[in-house]
Amino acid sequence: MKPSGAFCAACKMPLGQGDLKFLVTINVMADFDGSLPANGRIEDLESFMRSIDKEDSKQLERDVYQSLGYILCPECKRKFLENPLGLRPDEEGAADGKVH
């Protein structure tokens, strides 16, 4: 099997051309629920809007959205799906793996 230059992002095992491998894509985005803080003032919002005009647009984009991709071997894919957040079994949320 010819080497492909790919390797498992978790265990670093080299993956050859034609080897079974998985692309895991993680999209992280701001979760705005449509509500603004009840104690917020319009002046605070206006101040915030002025402040973002001074920020780097690429950094602002990273603050609200990022997409990451990782190649995993079959074993690391199985482990990832069993516990995608890497939580210890005694931590809350470890069992179901879901937020919503």
PDB file of N, CA and C in Angstrom:
ATOM      1  N   MET A   1       0.848  -1.174   0.000  1.00  0.00           N
ATOM      2  CA  MET A   1       0.000   0.000   0.000  1.00  0.00           C
ATOM      3  C   MET A   1       0.893   1.236   0.000  1.00  0.00           C
ATOM      4  N   LYS A   2       0.625   2.162  -0.910  1.00  0.00           N
ATOM      5  CA  LYS A   2       1.426   3.379  -1.010  1.00  0.00           C
ATOM      6  C   LYS A   2       1.072   4.337   0.129  1.00  0.00           C
ATOM      7  N   PRO A   3       2.088   4.970   0.695  1.00  0.00           N
ATOM      8  CA  PRO A   3       1.776   5.965   1.724  1.00  0.00           C
ATOM      9  C   PRO A   3       1.041   7.146   1.092  1.00  0.00           C
ATOM     10  N   SER A   4       0.114   7.705   1.833  1.00  0.00           N
ATOM     11  CA  SER A   4      -0.652   8.835   1.306  1.00  0.00           C
ATOM     12  C   SER A   4      -0.193  10.152   1.919  1.00  0.00           C
ATOM     13  N   GLY A   5       0.642  10.072   2.936  1.00  0.00           N
ATOM     14  CA  GLY A   5       1.036  11.274   3.660  1.00  0.00           C
ATOM     15  C   GLY A   5       0.044  11.622   4.751  1.00  0.00           C
ATOM     16  N   ALA A   6      -1.081  10.897   4.787  1.00  0.00           N
ATOM     17  CA  ALA A   6      -2.089  11.142   5.819  1.00  0.00           C
ATOM     18  C   ALA A   6      -1.752  10.328   7.058  1.00  0.00           C
ATOM     19  N   PHE A   7      -2.196  10.826   8.183  1.00  0.00           N
ATOM     20  CA  PHE A   7      -2.031  10.101   9.441  1.00  0.00           C
ATOM     21  C   PHE A   7      -3.214  10.420  10.331  1.00  0.00           C
ATOM     22  N   CYS A   8      -3.469   9.543  11.278  1.00  0.00           N
ATOM     23  CA  CYS A   8      -4.559   9.740  12.226  1.00  0.00           C
ATOM     24  C   CYS A   8      -4.196  10.915  13.138  1.00  0.00           C
ATOM     25  N   ALA A   9      -5.096  11.873  13.243  1.00  0.00           N
ATOM     26  CA  ALA A   9      -4.841  13.059  14.065  1.00  0.00           C
ATOM     27  C   ALA A   9      -4.765  12.720  15.548  1.00  0.00           C
ATOM     28  N   ALA A  10      -5.353  11.604  15.967  1.00  0.00           N
ATOM     29  CA  ALA A  10      -5.357  11.244  17.383  1.00  0.00           C
ATOM     30  C   ALA A  10      -4.164  10.377  17.769  1.00  0.00           C
ATOM     31  N   CYS A  11      -3.952   9.269  17.056  1.00  0.00           N
ATOM     32  CA  CYS A  11      -2.892   8.329  17.452  1.00  0.00           C
ATOM     33  C   CYS A  11      -1.640   8.444  16.583  1.00  0.00           C
ATOM     34  N   LYS A  12      -1.704   9.265  15.540  1.00  0.00           N
ATOM     35  CA  LYS A  12      -0.568   9.525  14.633  1.00  0.00           C
ATOM     36  C   LYS A  12      -0.197   8.342  13.745  1.00  0.00           C
ATOM     37  N   MET A  13      -1.043   7.299  13.679  1.00  0.00           N
ATOM     38  CA  MET A  13      -0.766   6.153  12.824  1.00  0.00           C
ATOM     39  C   MET A  13      -0.790   6.588  11.358  1.00  0.00           C
ATOM     40  N   PRO A  14       0.250   6.221  10.584  1.00  0.00           N
ATOM     41  CA  PRO A  14       0.237   6.551   9.153  1.00  0.00           C
ATOM     42  C   PRO A  14      -0.909   5.819   8.448  1.00  0.00           C
ATOM     43  N   LEU A  15      -1.538   6.487   7.509  1.00  0.00           N
ATOM     44  CA  LEU A  15      -2.646   5.909   6.758  1.00  0.00           C
ATOM     45  C   LEU A  15      -2.269   5.899   5.284  1.00  0.00           C
ATOM     46  N   GLY A  16      -2.274   4.705   4.696  1.00  0.00           N
ATOM     47  CA  GLY A  16      -1.897   4.565   3.297  1.00  0.00           C
ATOM     48  C   GLY A  16      -3.052   4.850   2.358  1.00  0.00           C
ATOM     49  N   GLN A  17      -2.735   4.974   1.077  1.00  0.00           N
ATOM     50  CA  GLN A  17      -3.780   5.148   0.073  1.00  0.00           C
ATOM     51  C   GLN A  17      -4.703   3.942   0.120  1.00  0.00           C
ATOM     52  N   GLY A  18      -5.980   4.186   0.127  1.00  0.00           N
ATOM     53  CA  GLY A  18      -6.958   3.110   0.155  1.00  0.00           C
ATOM     54  C   GLY A  18      -7.297   2.614   1.548  1.00  0.00           C
ATOM     55  N   ASP A  19      -6.517   3.008   2.566  1.00  0.00           N
ATOM     56  CA  ASP A  19      -6.843   2.620   3.943  1.00  0.00           C
ATOM     57  C   ASP A  19      -8.162   3.264   4.362  1.00  0.00           C
ATOM     58  N   LEU A  20      -8.893   2.554   5.207  1.00  0.00           N
ATOM     59  CA  LEU A  20     -10.128   3.100   5.755  1.00  0.00           C
ATOM     60  C   LEU A  20      -9.771   4.210   6.735  1.00  0.00           C
ATOM     61  N   LYS A  21     -10.315   5.381   6.501  1.00  0.00           N
ATOM     62  CA  LYS A  21     -10.084   6.521   7.382  1.00  0.00           C
ATOM     63  C   LYS A  21     -11.340   7.377   7.367  1.00  0.00           C
ATOM     64  N   PHE A  22     -11.469   8.229   8.361  1.00  0.00           N
ATOM     65  CA  PHE A  22     -12.683   9.022   8.525  1.00  0.00           C
ATOM     66  C   PHE A  22     -12.333  10.492   8.701  1.00  0.00           C
ATOM     67  N   LEU A  23     -13.088  11.346   8.032  1.00  0.00           N
ATOM     68  CA  LEU A  23     -12.952  12.783   8.217  1.00  0.00           C
ATOM     69  C   LEU A  23     -13.988  13.216   9.241  1.00  0.00           C
ATOM     70  N   VAL A  24     -13.524  13.725  10.358  1.00  0.00           N
ATOM     71  CA  VAL A  24     -14.405  14.270  11.388  1.00  0.00           C
ATOM     72  C   VAL A  24     -14.368  15.784  11.238  1.00  0.00           C
ATOM     73  N   THR A  25     -15.516  16.374  10.997  1.00  0.00           N
ATOM     74  CA  THR A  25     -15.617  17.822  10.860  1.00  0.00           C
ATOM     75  C   THR A  25     -16.370  18.367  12.058  1.00  0.00           C
ATOM     76  N   ILE A  26     -15.794  19.360  12.701  1.00  0.00           N
ATOM     77  CA  ILE A  26     -16.409  19.986  13.867  1.00  0.00           C
ATOM     78  C   ILE A  26     -16.706  21.438  13.510  1.00  0.00           C
ATOM     79  N   ASN A  27     -17.961  21.808  13.601  1.00  0.00           N
ATOM     80  CA  ASN A  27     -18.374  23.186  13.367  1.00  0.00           C
ATOM     81  C   ASN A  27     -18.749  23.801  14.706  1.00  0.00           C
ATOM     82  N   VAL A  28     -18.072  24.878  15.053  1.00  0.00           N
ATOM     83  CA  VAL A  28     -18.318  25.569  16.317  1.00  0.00           C
ATOM     84  C   VAL A  28     -18.879  26.936  15.966  1.00  0.00           C
ATOM     85  N   MET A  29     -20.094  27.215  16.447  1.00  0.00           N
ATOM     86  CA  MET A  29     -20.704  28.498  16.127  1.00  0.00           C
ATOM     87  C   MET A  29     -21.413  29.076  17.340  1.00  0.00           C
ATOM     88  N   ALA A  30     -21.494  30.395  17.361  1.00  0.00           N
ATOM     89  CA  ALA A  30     -22.206  31.071  18.436  1.00  0.00           C
ATOM     90  C   ALA A  30     -23.657  30.606  18.421  1.00  0.00           C
ATOM     91  N   ASP A  31     -24.215  30.389  19.590  1.00  0.00           N
ATOM     92  CA  ASP A  31     -25.584  29.889  19.714  1.00  0.00           C
ATOM     93  C   ASP A  31     -26.468  31.007  20.260  1.00  0.00           C
ATOM     94  N   PHE A  32     -26.820  31.951  19.396  1.00  0.00           N
ATOM     95  CA  PHE A  32     -27.680  33.070  19.792  1.00  0.00           C
ATOM     96  C   PHE A  32     -29.115  32.594  19.831  1.00  0.00           C
ATOM     97  N   ASP A  33     -29.768  32.774  20.968  1.00  0.00           N
ATOM     98  CA  ASP A  33     -31.139  32.293  21.122  1.00  0.00           C
ATOM     99  C   ASP A  33     -32.191  33.345  20.769  1.00  0.00           C
ATOM    100  N   GLY A  34     -31.748  34.491  20.256  1.00  0.00           N
ATOM    101  CA  GLY A  34     -32.691  35.523  19.847  1.00  0.00           C
ATOM    102  C   GLY A  34     -33.046  36.513  20.937  1.00  0.00           C
ATOM    103  N   SER A  35     -32.525  36.304  22.131  1.00  0.00           N
ATOM    104  CA  SER A  35     -32.843  37.189  23.250  1.00  0.00           C
ATOM    105  C   SER A  35     -31.615  37.969  23.673  1.00  0.00           C
ATOM    106  N   LEU A  36     -31.837  39.218  24.011  1.00  0.00           N
ATOM    107  CA  LEU A  36     -30.783  40.047  24.584  1.00  0.00           C
ATOM    108  C   LEU A  36     -30.985  40.093  26.089  1.00  0.00           C
ATOM    109  N   PRO A  37     -29.931  40.342  26.860  1.00  0.00           N
ATOM    110  CA  PRO A  37     -30.083  40.391  28.315  1.00  0.00           C
ATOM    111  C   PRO A  37     -31.160  41.397  28.730  1.00  0.00           C
ATOM    112  N   ALA A  38     -32.007  41.000  29.671  1.00  0.00           N
ATOM    113  CA  ALA A  38     -33.106  41.856  30.126  1.00  0.00           C
ATOM    114  C   ALA A  38     -32.598  43.147  30.754  1.00  0.00           C
ATOM    115  N   ASN A  39     -31.433  43.085  31.387  1.00  0.00           N
ATOM    116  CA  ASN A  39     -30.899  44.270  32.053  1.00  0.00           C
ATOM    117  C   ASN A  39     -30.011  45.093  31.124  1.00  0.00           C
ATOM    118  N   GLY A  40     -29.945  44.721  29.849  1.00  0.00           N
ATOM    119  CA  GLY A  40     -29.116  45.450  28.892  1.00  0.00           C
ATOM    120  C   GLY A  40     -29.736  46.791  28.520  1.00  0.00           C
ATOM    121  N   ARG A  41     -28.885  47.747  28.218  1.00  0.00           N
ATOM    122  CA  ARG A  41     -29.354  49.070  27.808  1.00  0.00           C
ATOM    123  C   ARG A  41     -28.981  49.275  26.347  1.00  0.00           C
ATOM    124  N   ILE A  42     -29.745  50.081  25.637  1.00  0.00           N
ATOM    125  CA  ILE A  42     -29.464  50.354  24.228  1.00  0.00           C
ATOM    126  C   ILE A  42     -28.085  50.983  24.066  1.00  0.00           C
ATOM    127  N   GLU A  43     -27.661  51.757  25.048  1.00  0.00           N
ATOM    128  CA  GLU A  43     -26.338  52.377  24.992  1.00  0.00           C
ATOM    129  C   GLU A  43     -25.240  51.312  24.995  1.00  0.00           C
ATOM    130  N   ASP A  44     -25.458  50.258  25.772  1.00  0.00           N
ATOM    131  CA  ASP A  44     -24.483  49.165  25.814  1.00  0.00           C
ATOM    132  C   ASP A  44     -24.376  48.489  24.449  1.00  0.00           C
ATOM    133  N   LEU A  45     -25.507  48.279  23.814  1.00  0.00           N
ATOM    134  CA  LEU A  45     -25.517  47.652  22.491  1.00  0.00           C
ATOM    135  C   LEU A  45     -24.836  48.562  21.468  1.00  0.00           C
ATOM    136  N   GLU A  46     -25.134  49.850  21.522  1.00  0.00           N
ATOM    137  CA  GLU A  46     -24.502  50.795  20.596  1.00  0.00           C
ATOM    138  C   GLU A  46     -22.993  50.836  20.802  1.00  0.00           C
ATOM    139  N   SER A  47     -22.559  50.810  22.059  1.00  0.00           N
ATOM    140  CA  SER A  47     -21.127  50.806  22.376  1.00  0.00           C
ATOM    141  C   SER A  47     -20.464  49.542  21.834  1.00  0.00           C
ATOM    142  N   PHE A  48     -21.143  48.418  22.005  1.00  0.00           N
ATOM    143  CA  PHE A  48     -20.617  47.155  21.492  1.00  0.00           C
ATOM    144  C   PHE A  48     -20.483  47.207  19.967  1.00  0.00           C
ATOM    145  N   MET A  49     -21.500  47.722  19.302  1.00  0.00           N
ATOM    146  CA  MET A  49     -21.472  47.799  17.837  1.00  0.00           C
ATOM    147  C   MET A  49     -20.327  48.689  17.361  1.00  0.00           C
ATOM    148  N   ARG A  50     -20.074  49.793  18.055  1.00  0.00           N
ATOM    149  CA  ARG A  50     -18.946  50.658  17.688  1.00  0.00           C
ATOM    150  C   ARG A  50     -17.621  49.939  17.910  1.00  0.00           C
ATOM    151  N   SER A  51     -17.533  49.152  18.984  1.00  0.00           N
ATOM    152  CA  SER A  51     -16.269  48.475  19.301  1.00  0.00           C
ATOM    153  C   SER A  51     -15.913  47.410  18.262  1.00  0.00           C
ATOM    154  N   ILE A  52     -16.909  46.748  17.687  1.00  0.00           N
ATOM    155  CA  ILE A  52     -16.574  45.704  16.711  1.00  0.00           C
ATOM    156  C   ILE A  52     -16.079  46.298  15.401  1.00  0.00           C
ATOM    157  N   ASP A  53     -16.407  47.561  15.141  1.00  0.00           N
ATOM    158  CA  ASP A  53     -15.872  48.221  13.943  1.00  0.00           C
ATOM    159  C   ASP A  53     -14.358  48.328  14.005  1.00  0.00           C
ATOM    160  N   LYS A  54     -13.800  48.330  15.206  1.00  0.00           N
ATOM    161  CA  LYS A  54     -12.357  48.476  15.396  1.00  0.00           C
ATOM    162  C   LYS A  54     -11.628  47.133  15.416  1.00  0.00           C
ATOM    163  N   GLU A  55     -12.372  46.049  15.475  1.00  0.00           N
ATOM    164  CA  GLU A  55     -11.777  44.715  15.585  1.00  0.00           C
ATOM    165  C   GLU A  55     -11.385  44.164  14.208  1.00  0.00           C
ATOM    166  N   ASP A  56     -10.470  43.217  14.221  1.00  0.00           N
ATOM    167  CA  ASP A  56     -10.057  42.506  13.016  1.00  0.00           C
ATOM    168  C   ASP A  56     -11.205  41.612  12.551  1.00  0.00           C
ATOM    169  N   SER A  57     -11.604  41.737  11.298  1.00  0.00           N
ATOM    170  CA  SER A  57     -12.757  40.983  10.800  1.00  0.00           C
ATOM    171  C   SER A  57     -12.534  39.474  10.862  1.00  0.00           C
ATOM    172  N   LYS A  58     -11.313  39.021  10.628  1.00  0.00           N
ATOM    173  CA  LYS A  58     -11.029  37.579  10.699  1.00  0.00           C
ATOM    174  C   LYS A  58     -11.182  37.069  12.134  1.00  0.00           C
ATOM    175  N   GLN A  59     -10.735  37.861  13.110  1.00  0.00           N
ATOM    176  CA  GLN A  59     -10.877  37.457  14.510  1.00  0.00           C
ATOM    177  C   GLN A  59     -12.348  37.436  14.906  1.00  0.00           C
ATOM    178  N   LEU A  60     -13.111  38.418  14.464  1.00  0.00           N
ATOM    179  CA  LEU A  60     -14.547  38.429  14.758  1.00  0.00           C
ATOM    180  C   LEU A  60     -15.222  37.189  14.189  1.00  0.00           C
ATOM    181  N   GLU A  61     -14.826  36.802  12.979  1.00  0.00           N
ATOM    182  CA  GLU A  61     -15.389  35.602  12.366  1.00  0.00           C
ATOM    183  C   GLU A  61     -15.049  34.369  13.199  1.00  0.00           C
ATOM    184  N   ARG A  62     -13.795  34.269  13.652  1.00  0.00           N
ATOM    185  CA  ARG A  62     -13.389  33.123  14.482  1.00  0.00           C
ATOM    186  C   ARG A  62     -14.132  33.112  15.814  1.00  0.00           C
ATOM    187  N   ASP A  63     -14.497  34.294  16.304  1.00  0.00           N
ATOM    188  CA  ASP A  63     -15.223  34.369  17.570  1.00  0.00           C
ATOM    189  C   ASP A  63     -16.630  33.792  17.464  1.00  0.00           C
ATOM    190  N   VAL A  64     -17.222  33.809  16.270  1.00  0.00           N
ATOM    191  CA  VAL A  64     -18.590  33.312  16.122  1.00  0.00           C
ATOM    192  C   VAL A  64     -18.697  32.024  15.321  1.00  0.00           C
ATOM    193  N   TYR A  65     -17.655  31.670  14.536  1.00  0.00           N
ATOM    194  CA  TYR A  65     -17.738  30.443  13.747  1.00  0.00           C
ATOM    195  C   TYR A  65     -16.347  29.918  13.424  1.00  0.00           C
ATOM    196  N   GLN A  66     -16.170  28.623  13.626  1.00  0.00           N
ATOM    197  CA  GLN A  66     -14.957  27.932  13.198  1.00  0.00           C
ATOM    198  C   GLN A  66     -15.341  26.540  12.724  1.00  0.00           C
ATOM    199  N   SER A  67     -14.646  26.066  11.713  1.00  0.00           N
ATOM    200  CA  SER A  67     -14.829  24.708  11.222  1.00  0.00           C
ATOM    201  C   SER A  67     -13.466  24.024  11.245  1.00  0.00           C
ATOM    202  N   LEU A  68     -13.419  22.875  11.901  1.00  0.00           N
ATOM    203  CA  LEU A  68     -12.175  22.123  12.040  1.00  0.00           C
ATOM    204  C   LEU A  68     -12.371  20.739  11.435  1.00  0.00           C
ATOM    205  N   GLY A  69     -11.326  20.187  10.840  1.00  0.00           N
ATOM    206  CA  GLY A  69     -11.417  18.853  10.269  1.00  0.00           C
ATOM    207  C   GLY A  69     -10.241  17.992  10.692  1.00  0.00           C
ATOM    208  N   TYR A  70     -10.518  16.730  10.997  1.00  0.00           N
ATOM    209  CA  TYR A  70      -9.491  15.793  11.444  1.00  0.00           C
ATOM    210  C   TYR A  70      -9.694  14.457  10.747  1.00  0.00           C
ATOM    211  N   ILE A  71      -8.598  13.830  10.315  1.00  0.00           N
ATOM    212  CA  ILE A  71      -8.633  12.473   9.774  1.00  0.00           C
ATOM    213  C   ILE A  71      -8.374  11.517  10.938  1.00  0.00           C
ATOM    214  N   LEU A  72      -9.245  10.515  11.089  1.00  0.00           N
ATOM    215  CA  LEU A  72      -9.089   9.521  12.153  1.00  0.00           C
ATOM    216  C   LEU A  72      -9.063   8.118  11.565  1.00  0.00           C
ATOM    217  N   CYS A  73      -8.281   7.249  12.200  1.00  0.00           N
ATOM    218  CA  CYS A  73      -8.294   5.826  11.857  1.00  0.00           C
ATOM    219  C   CYS A  73      -9.579   5.221  12.435  1.00  0.00           C
ATOM    220  N   PRO A  74      -9.953   4.011  12.031  1.00  0.00           N
ATOM    221  CA  PRO A  74     -11.193   3.415  12.523  1.00  0.00           C
ATOM    222  C   PRO A  74     -11.274   3.319  14.052  1.00  0.00           C
ATOM    223  N   GLU A  75     -10.190   2.942  14.714  1.00  0.00           N
ATOM    224  CA  GLU A  75     -10.228   2.799  16.172  1.00  0.00           C
ATOM    225  C   GLU A  75     -10.413   4.150  16.860  1.00  0.00           C
ATOM    226  N   CYS A  76      -9.718   5.163  16.399  1.00  0.00           N
ATOM    227  CA  CYS A  76      -9.854   6.490  17.009  1.00  0.00           C
ATOM    228  C   CYS A  76     -11.220   7.098  16.700  1.00  0.00           C
ATOM    229  N   LYS A  77     -11.782   6.794  15.532  1.00  0.00           N
ATOM    230  CA  LYS A  77     -13.143   7.238  15.210  1.00  0.00           C
ATOM    231  C   LYS A  77     -14.139   6.616  16.184  1.00  0.00           C
ATOM    232  N   ARG A  78     -13.974   5.320  16.472  1.00  0.00           N
ATOM    233  CA  ARG A  78     -14.865   4.642  17.418  1.00  0.00           C
ATOM    234  C   ARG A  78     -14.771   5.305  18.788  1.00  0.00           C
ATOM    235  N   LYS A  79     -13.536   5.553  19.253  1.00  0.00           N
ATOM    236  CA  LYS A  79     -13.342   6.191  20.560  1.00  0.00           C
ATOM    237  C   LYS A  79     -13.931   7.598  20.588  1.00  0.00           C
ATOM    238  N   PHE A  80     -13.747   8.332  19.497  1.00  0.00           N
ATOM    239  CA  PHE A  80     -14.286   9.689  19.423  1.00  0.00           C
ATOM    240  C   PHE A  80     -15.806   9.677  19.541  1.00  0.00           C
ATOM    241  N   LEU A  81     -16.464   8.787  18.802  1.00  0.00           N
ATOM    242  CA  LEU A  81     -17.921   8.743  18.835  1.00  0.00           C
ATOM    243  C   LEU A  81     -18.465   8.285  20.183  1.00  0.00           C
ATOM    244  N   GLU A  82     -17.703   7.474  20.902  1.00  0.00           N
ATOM    245  CA  GLU A  82     -18.127   7.046  22.236  1.00  0.00           C
ATOM    246  C   GLU A  82     -18.101   8.203  23.229  1.00  0.00           C
ATOM    247  N   ASN A  83     -17.189   9.148  23.030  1.00  0.00           N
ATOM    248  CA  ASN A  83     -17.033  10.244  23.984  1.00  0.00           C
ATOM    249  C   ASN A  83     -16.445  11.467  23.265  1.00  0.00           C
ATOM    250  N   PRO A  84     -17.248  12.137  22.419  1.00  0.00           N
ATOM    251  CA  PRO A  84     -16.709  13.214  21.588  1.00  0.00           C
ATOM    252  C   PRO A  84     -16.145  14.400  22.363  1.00  0.00           C
ATOM    253  N   LEU A  85     -16.607  14.631  23.576  1.00  0.00           N
ATOM    254  CA  LEU A  85     -16.093  15.752  24.362  1.00  0.00           C
ATOM    255  C   LEU A  85     -14.925  15.365  25.256  1.00  0.00           C
ATOM    256  N   GLY A  86     -14.582  14.088  25.277  1.00  0.00           N
ATOM    257  CA  GLY A  86     -13.460  13.641  26.097  1.00  0.00           C
ATOM    258  C   GLY A  86     -13.722  13.758  27.588  1.00  0.00           C
ATOM    259  N   LEU A  87     -14.996  13.661  27.984  1.00  0.00           N
ATOM    260  CA  LEU A  87     -15.349  13.777  29.398  1.00  0.00           C
ATOM    261  C   LEU A  87     -15.062  12.481  30.142  1.00  0.00           C
ATOM    262  N   ARG A  88     -14.715  12.621  31.407  1.00  0.00           N
ATOM    263  CA  ARG A  88     -14.585  11.433  32.254  1.00  0.00           C
ATOM    264  C   ARG A  88     -15.988  10.875  32.488  1.00  0.00           C
ATOM    265  N   PRO A  89     -16.115   9.573  32.710  1.00  0.00           N
ATOM    266  CA  PRO A  89     -17.438   8.967  32.899  1.00  0.00           C
ATOM    267  C   PRO A  89     -18.243   9.587  34.040  1.00  0.00           C
ATOM    268  N   ASP A  90     -17.570  10.151  35.044  1.00  0.00           N
ATOM    269  CA  ASP A  90     -18.292  10.723  36.182  1.00  0.00           C
ATOM    270  C   ASP A  90     -18.705  12.181  35.962  1.00  0.00           C
ATOM    271  N   GLU A  91     -18.332  12.770  34.822  1.00  0.00           N
ATOM    272  CA  GLU A  91     -18.693  14.156  34.546  1.00  0.00           C
ATOM    273  C   GLU A  91     -20.084  14.233  33.931  1.00  0.00           C
ATOM    274  N   GLU A  92     -20.835  15.267  34.305  1.00  0.00           N
ATOM    275  CA  GLU A  92     -22.181  15.456  33.783  1.00  0.00           C
ATOM    276  C   GLU A  92     -22.140  15.629  32.268  1.00  0.00           C
ATOM    277  N   GLY A  93     -23.048  14.979  31.570  1.00  0.00           N
ATOM    278  CA  GLY A  93     -23.119  15.088  30.119  1.00  0.00           C
ATOM    279  C   GLY A  93     -22.321  14.026  29.394  1.00  0.00           C
ATOM    280  N   ALA A  94     -21.509  13.262  30.111  1.00  0.00           N
ATOM    281  CA  ALA A  94     -20.662  12.271  29.455  1.00  0.00           C
ATOM    282  C   ALA A  94     -21.480  11.141  28.844  1.00  0.00           C
ATOM    283  N   ALA A  95     -22.599  10.791  29.462  1.00  0.00           N
ATOM    284  CA  ALA A  95     -23.357   9.633  29.006  1.00  0.00           C
ATOM    285  C   ALA A  95     -24.066   9.871  27.678  1.00  0.00           C
ATOM    286  N   ASP A  96     -24.751  11.017  27.538  1.00  0.00           N
ATOM    287  CA  ASP A  96     -25.549  11.192  26.325  1.00  0.00           C
ATOM    288  C   ASP A  96     -24.837  11.971  25.228  1.00  0.00           C
ATOM    289  N   GLY A  97     -23.867  12.776  25.584  1.00  0.00           N
ATOM    290  CA  GLY A  97     -23.088  13.495  24.589  1.00  0.00           C
ATOM    291  C   GLY A  97     -23.834  14.574  23.831  1.00  0.00           C
ATOM    292  N   LYS A  98     -24.962  15.025  24.348  1.00  0.00           N
ATOM    293  CA  LYS A  98     -25.754  16.025  23.640  1.00  0.00           C
ATOM    294  C   LYS A  98     -26.002  17.231  24.532  1.00  0.00           C
ATOM    295  N   VAL A  99     -26.075  18.397  23.900  1.00  0.00           N
ATOM    296  CA  VAL A  99     -26.375  19.621  24.632  1.00  0.00           C
ATOM    297  C   VAL A  99     -27.851  19.946  24.524  1.00  0.00           C
ATOM    298  N   HIS A 100     -28.382  19.910  23.311  1.00  0.00           N
ATOM    299  CA  HIS A 100     -29.791  20.257  23.072  1.00  0.00           C
ATOM    300  C   HIS A 100     -30.604  19.002  22.909  1.00  0.00           C
TER     301      HIS A 100
END
